[in-house]
Amino acid sequence: MRAQNFFAALVVALSGLYASAAPADRVPAAGGDIEITPILHSSVQIEHAGKVIQVDPWSLGDLTRAKPADLILITDDPAHHLDLKAIQQLRKPGAPVVITANGKAKLPDGIVLPNGQSVTAAGVRVEAIAAYDIIQGEPSHPKGEANGYVITLGGKRIYFAGVTECVAEVRALKNIDVAFMPMNIPPRRMTPAAAAECVKAIAPKIVYVYHYDQQAAAKLANPRATSEATPAGLNVAESVDAFRQALKGTSIEFRDARWYP
């Protein structure tokens, strides 16, 4: 009887756990819907036709919701982008990991994809888009060191900007169905207005703003991290709303995902 009660309680607990997790968003595509599961900061899971793609998996996120990856994309080399623990946990045996040149020392078997080049990995076309600063300052993101990526699944083009401003290579993008755009990158970079203006320039059908709560991310890695105001002088919730308001009057669908605990 005690064993039955224990397993009954376990089932209830697990049901509650899965019910509390946000369901995946869906985008219709050839061969079935694309499922999008935001995980943390810039970490996102993409599923299509039985294939799983993890972008910037971070072990400080809730990886109980994450599935083993057929392909992993890494946009930069800091630990919240290139996390060896998360890669090891989620990488299927032999699965390709596409990285930037500055990550080669950490992950020697990664596929280095320079800005402007493309590769087919795990059957997925991956294009590397330059990601860098216009306004200079720390933290610095020099040209040529980091990538955004465009992947094509079921005829849909999905853009992960990584950490970038609205540089010429970003503005040149065409026919983007889903975009993930960073915001509130200090100091004074990618304010809500700047992020929204960039989204309008590339005109995706759907946009997610991500990588926007720098303080929450910093405190996950170091509870003693000092606070830093968002570049627009707004709190985080206000900045997300400002981004939303700036897209009003366009045909772009803004999806407000749960990126932080």
Protein backbone atom coordinates (compact mmCIF):
# COMPACT_ATOMS: atom_id res chain seq x y z
CA MET A 1 0.00 0.00 0.00
CA ARG A 2 2.84 2.39 0.88
CA ALA A 3 4.50 1.62 -2.47
CA GLN A 4 1.24 2.33 -4.31
CA ASN A 5 0.81 5.61 -2.45
CA PHE A 6 4.41 6.59 -3.24
CA PHE A 7 4.05 5.94 -6.97
CA ALA A 8 0.68 7.70 -7.08
CA ALA A 9 2.25 10.75 -5.45
CA LEU A 10 5.16 10.57 -7.88
CA VAL A 11 2.84 10.56 -10.88
CA VAL A 12 0.99 13.59 -9.51
CA ALA A 13 4.26 15.43 -8.88
CA LEU A 14 5.59 14.69 -12.36
CA SER A 15 2.31 15.71 -13.92
CA GLY A 16 2.54 19.02 -12.11
CA LEU A 17 6.12 19.49 -13.27
CA TYR A 18 5.31 18.99 -16.91
CA ALA A 19 2.12 21.03 -16.67
CA SER A 20 4.09 23.98 -15.30
CA ALA A 21 6.48 24.00 -18.24
CA ALA A 22 5.41 26.38 -21.01
CA PRO A 23 4.26 24.45 -24.10
CA ALA A 24 6.31 24.75 -27.25
CA ASP A 25 5.27 27.42 -29.74
CA ARG A 26 4.43 26.15 -33.21
CA VAL A 27 5.08 27.44 -36.72
CA PRO A 28 3.47 25.60 -39.65
CA ALA A 29 6.03 24.23 -42.12
CA ALA A 30 6.39 21.60 -44.82
CA GLY A 31 6.71 18.19 -43.22
CA GLY A 32 5.03 19.24 -39.97
CA ASP A 33 5.06 22.11 -37.51
CA ILE A 34 8.30 23.61 -36.24
CA GLU A 35 8.23 23.53 -32.43
CA ILE A 36 10.03 26.32 -30.57
CA THR A 37 10.89 25.98 -26.88
CA PRO A 38 12.63 28.97 -25.25
CA ILE A 39 14.85 27.77 -22.40
CA LEU A 40 17.03 30.58 -20.97
CA HIS A 41 18.51 33.92 -22.12
CA SER A 42 19.74 32.92 -25.62
CA SER A 43 19.15 29.18 -25.24
CA VAL A 44 16.36 27.80 -27.42
CA GLN A 45 15.28 24.39 -28.70
CA ILE A 46 13.93 23.87 -32.21
CA GLU A 47 12.21 20.66 -33.35
CA HIS A 48 11.04 19.67 -36.81
CA ALA A 49 10.23 16.33 -38.41
CA GLY A 50 11.90 14.38 -35.60
CA LYS A 51 15.07 16.50 -35.62
CA VAL A 52 16.18 18.53 -32.57
CA ILE A 53 18.38 21.63 -32.76
CA GLN A 54 19.77 23.28 -29.64
CA VAL A 55 21.00 26.87 -29.87
CA ASP A 56 23.40 28.13 -27.16
CA PRO A 57 22.40 25.49 -24.60
CA TRP A 58 23.23 26.68 -21.07
CA SER A 59 23.47 24.28 -18.13
CA LEU A 60 22.12 26.93 -15.73
CA GLY A 61 18.78 26.66 -17.52
CA ASP A 62 16.15 23.98 -16.96
CA LEU A 63 17.52 21.32 -19.28
CA THR A 64 14.95 18.80 -18.05
CA ARG A 65 12.80 20.32 -20.80
CA ALA A 66 15.54 19.91 -23.41
CA LYS A 67 15.88 16.96 -25.76
CA PRO A 68 19.03 15.28 -27.13
CA ALA A 69 20.30 17.31 -30.06
CA ASP A 70 20.93 16.23 -33.64
CA LEU A 71 22.60 19.62 -34.19
CA ILE A 72 23.94 22.31 -31.83
CA LEU A 73 24.60 25.92 -32.83
CA ILE A 74 26.90 28.16 -30.75
CA THR A 75 26.89 31.90 -31.42
CA ASP A 76 29.88 33.05 -29.30
CA ASP A 77 32.44 31.80 -26.74
CA PRO A 78 31.27 33.15 -23.31
CA ALA A 79 29.92 30.45 -20.99
CA HIS A 80 26.26 31.41 -21.47
CA HIS A 81 26.71 30.69 -25.18
CA LEU A 82 29.40 28.00 -25.28
CA ASP A 83 28.77 25.76 -22.27
CA LEU A 84 30.68 22.49 -22.51
CA LYS A 85 28.62 20.90 -19.75
CA ALA A 86 25.36 21.59 -21.57
CA ILE A 87 26.79 20.44 -24.89
CA GLN A 88 27.98 17.19 -23.36
CA GLN A 89 24.58 16.65 -21.73
CA LEU A 90 22.50 17.28 -24.85
CA ARG A 91 24.70 16.22 -27.77
CA LYS A 92 23.76 12.96 -29.44
CA PRO A 93 26.80 10.78 -30.28
CA GLY A 94 28.49 12.27 -33.32
CA ALA A 95 26.07 15.21 -33.58
CA PRO A 96 27.70 18.25 -35.25
CA VAL A 97 28.29 21.41 -33.23
CA VAL A 98 28.66 24.58 -35.30
CA ILE A 99 30.83 27.15 -33.53
CA THR A 100 32.67 30.42 -34.01
CA ALA A 101 36.44 30.59 -34.43
CA ASN A 102 36.90 31.89 -30.89
CA GLY A 103 35.41 28.65 -29.54
CA LYS A 104 37.81 26.24 -31.24
CA ALA A 105 40.11 25.95 -28.23
CA LYS A 106 37.18 24.96 -25.99
CA LEU A 107 35.58 22.55 -28.45
CA PRO A 108 38.21 21.18 -30.85
CA ASP A 109 35.77 18.99 -32.78
CA GLY A 110 33.34 21.86 -33.42
CA ILE A 111 32.67 22.95 -37.00
CA VAL A 112 34.03 26.49 -37.33
CA LEU A 113 31.76 28.50 -39.62
CA PRO A 114 33.10 32.00 -40.47
CA ASN A 115 30.79 34.95 -41.04
CA GLY A 116 29.17 34.84 -44.46
CA GLN A 117 29.69 31.12 -45.05
CA SER A 118 27.23 28.24 -44.92
CA VAL A 119 27.28 24.50 -44.27
CA THR A 120 24.83 21.62 -44.28
CA ALA A 121 25.04 19.85 -40.91
CA ALA A 122 22.74 17.02 -39.78
CA GLY A 123 20.81 17.66 -42.98
CA VAL A 124 20.13 21.30 -42.05
CA ARG A 125 21.37 24.27 -44.05
CA VAL A 126 23.12 26.69 -41.69
CA GLU A 127 24.20 30.20 -42.75
CA ALA A 128 26.56 32.23 -40.53
CA ILE A 129 25.57 35.90 -40.21
CA ALA A 130 28.02 38.46 -38.81
CA ALA A 131 27.29 39.56 -35.23
CA TYR A 132 29.21 42.54 -33.81
CA ASP A 133 29.08 46.00 -32.22
CA ILE A 134 28.58 49.38 -33.83
CA ILE A 135 28.73 51.33 -30.54
CA GLN A 136 31.99 50.40 -28.85
CA GLY A 137 32.33 49.53 -25.17
CA GLU A 138 32.53 46.63 -22.77
CA PRO A 139 31.46 43.91 -23.07
CA SER A 140 33.02 44.07 -26.53
CA HIS A 141 31.79 42.10 -29.55
CA PRO A 142 34.33 42.68 -32.35
CA LYS A 143 33.53 41.95 -35.98
CA GLY A 144 34.43 38.43 -37.12
CA GLU A 145 34.36 36.72 -33.72
CA ALA A 146 30.69 35.80 -33.30
CA ASN A 147 27.87 34.47 -35.45
CA GLY A 148 24.18 34.75 -35.90
CA TYR A 149 22.66 31.86 -37.83
CA VAL A 150 19.90 31.34 -40.36
CA ILE A 151 18.63 27.79 -40.60
CA THR A 152 16.09 26.44 -43.07
CA LEU A 153 13.54 23.87 -41.90
CA GLY A 154 10.44 22.80 -43.80
CA GLY A 155 10.87 25.74 -46.15
CA LYS A 156 10.98 28.24 -43.26
CA ARG A 157 13.97 30.49 -42.55
CA ILE A 158 14.74 31.00 -38.86
CA TYR A 159 17.27 33.62 -37.72
CA PHE A 160 19.10 33.53 -34.38
CA ALA A 161 20.87 36.89 -34.12
CA GLY A 162 23.12 36.01 -31.19
CA VAL A 163 24.61 39.20 -29.73
CA THR A 164 24.78 41.92 -32.35
CA GLU A 165 23.65 45.37 -33.29
CA CYS A 166 21.78 46.09 -36.50
CA VAL A 167 24.84 45.85 -38.72
CA ALA A 168 24.76 45.80 -42.53
CA GLU A 169 24.89 42.00 -42.67
CA VAL A 170 21.77 41.80 -40.51
CA ARG A 171 19.90 44.44 -42.49
CA ALA A 172 20.63 42.51 -45.69
CA LEU A 173 18.63 39.48 -44.53
CA LYS A 174 15.58 38.60 -46.62
CA ASN A 175 12.64 36.21 -46.35
CA ILE A 176 12.98 35.53 -42.62
CA ASP A 177 10.01 33.69 -41.15
CA VAL A 178 11.07 33.68 -37.47
CA ALA A 179 13.69 35.94 -35.87
CA PHE A 180 15.27 35.92 -32.41
CA MET A 181 16.60 39.41 -31.67
CA PRO A 182 18.72 40.51 -28.67
CA MET A 183 17.88 43.61 -26.63
CA ASN A 184 19.24 45.67 -23.71
CA ILE A 185 22.87 44.86 -24.42
CA PRO A 186 24.75 47.47 -22.31
CA PRO A 187 25.98 50.09 -22.70
CA ARG A 188 23.46 51.93 -24.94
CA ARG A 189 23.27 49.07 -27.45
CA MET A 190 20.11 47.49 -28.82
CA THR A 191 17.67 49.53 -26.78
CA PRO A 192 14.03 48.55 -27.31
CA ALA A 193 13.72 51.20 -30.03
CA ALA A 194 16.89 50.04 -31.77
CA ALA A 195 15.91 46.37 -31.58
CA ALA A 196 12.44 47.12 -32.95
CA GLU A 197 13.87 49.24 -35.76
CA CYS A 198 16.17 46.37 -36.70
CA VAL A 199 13.28 43.92 -36.73
CA LYS A 200 11.30 46.24 -38.99
CA ALA A 201 14.28 46.38 -41.36
CA ILE A 202 14.37 42.60 -41.87
CA ALA A 203 10.58 42.17 -41.56
CA PRO A 204 10.23 38.61 -40.22
CA LYS A 205 6.76 37.15 -39.94
CA ILE A 206 7.35 36.31 -36.24
CA VAL A 207 9.84 37.78 -33.78
CA TYR A 208 11.04 36.82 -30.31
CA VAL A 209 13.15 39.26 -28.32
CA TYR A 210 15.75 37.40 -26.23
CA HIS A 211 19.05 37.87 -24.36
CA TYR A 212 17.44 40.96 -22.77
CA ASP A 213 17.76 40.53 -18.98
CA GLN A 214 21.51 40.85 -18.52
CA GLN A 215 21.20 41.15 -14.75
CA ALA A 216 19.18 37.95 -14.34
CA ALA A 217 21.70 36.09 -16.47
CA ALA A 218 24.64 37.52 -14.51
CA LYS A 219 23.11 36.55 -11.17
CA LEU A 220 22.51 32.98 -12.35
CA ALA A 221 26.24 32.68 -12.94
CA ASN A 222 27.26 34.77 -9.90
CA PRO A 223 24.70 35.64 -7.17
CA ARG A 224 26.93 38.56 -6.12
CA ALA A 225 26.82 40.22 -9.53
CA THR A 226 26.18 43.94 -9.30
CA SER A 227 23.06 45.42 -10.87
CA GLU A 228 23.25 47.33 -14.13
CA ALA A 229 20.46 49.43 -15.58
CA THR A 230 19.05 48.64 -18.99
CA PRO A 231 20.38 50.99 -21.69
CA ALA A 232 16.97 52.63 -22.17
CA GLY A 233 16.63 53.51 -18.48
CA LEU A 234 13.59 51.23 -18.21
CA ASN A 235 13.18 48.15 -16.10
CA VAL A 236 13.18 44.83 -17.94
CA ALA A 237 9.40 44.45 -18.14
CA GLU A 238 9.01 48.03 -19.35
CA SER A 239 11.67 47.48 -22.02
CA VAL A 240 9.86 44.40 -23.37
CA ASP A 241 6.62 46.38 -23.49
CA ALA A 242 8.40 49.26 -25.25
CA PHE A 243 9.61 46.79 -27.88
CA ARG A 244 6.07 45.44 -28.29
CA GLN A 245 4.62 48.93 -28.66
CA ALA A 246 7.25 49.88 -31.24
CA LEU A 247 6.06 47.04 -33.52
CA LYS A 248 2.42 48.13 -33.47
CA GLY A 249 1.10 48.94 -36.91
CA THR A 250 3.30 46.34 -38.59
CA SER A 251 2.39 42.84 -39.74
CA ILE A 252 5.12 41.32 -37.54
CA GLU A 253 3.85 38.98 -34.83
CA PHE A 254 5.64 39.49 -31.51
CA ARG A 255 5.81 36.41 -29.28
CA ASP A 256 6.66 37.18 -25.66
CA ALA A 257 8.38 34.04 -24.34
CA ARG A 258 9.40 33.04 -20.83
CA TRP A 259 13.21 33.32 -20.95
CA TYR A 260 14.00 33.84 -17.24
CA PRO A 261 13.02 32.13 -13.96
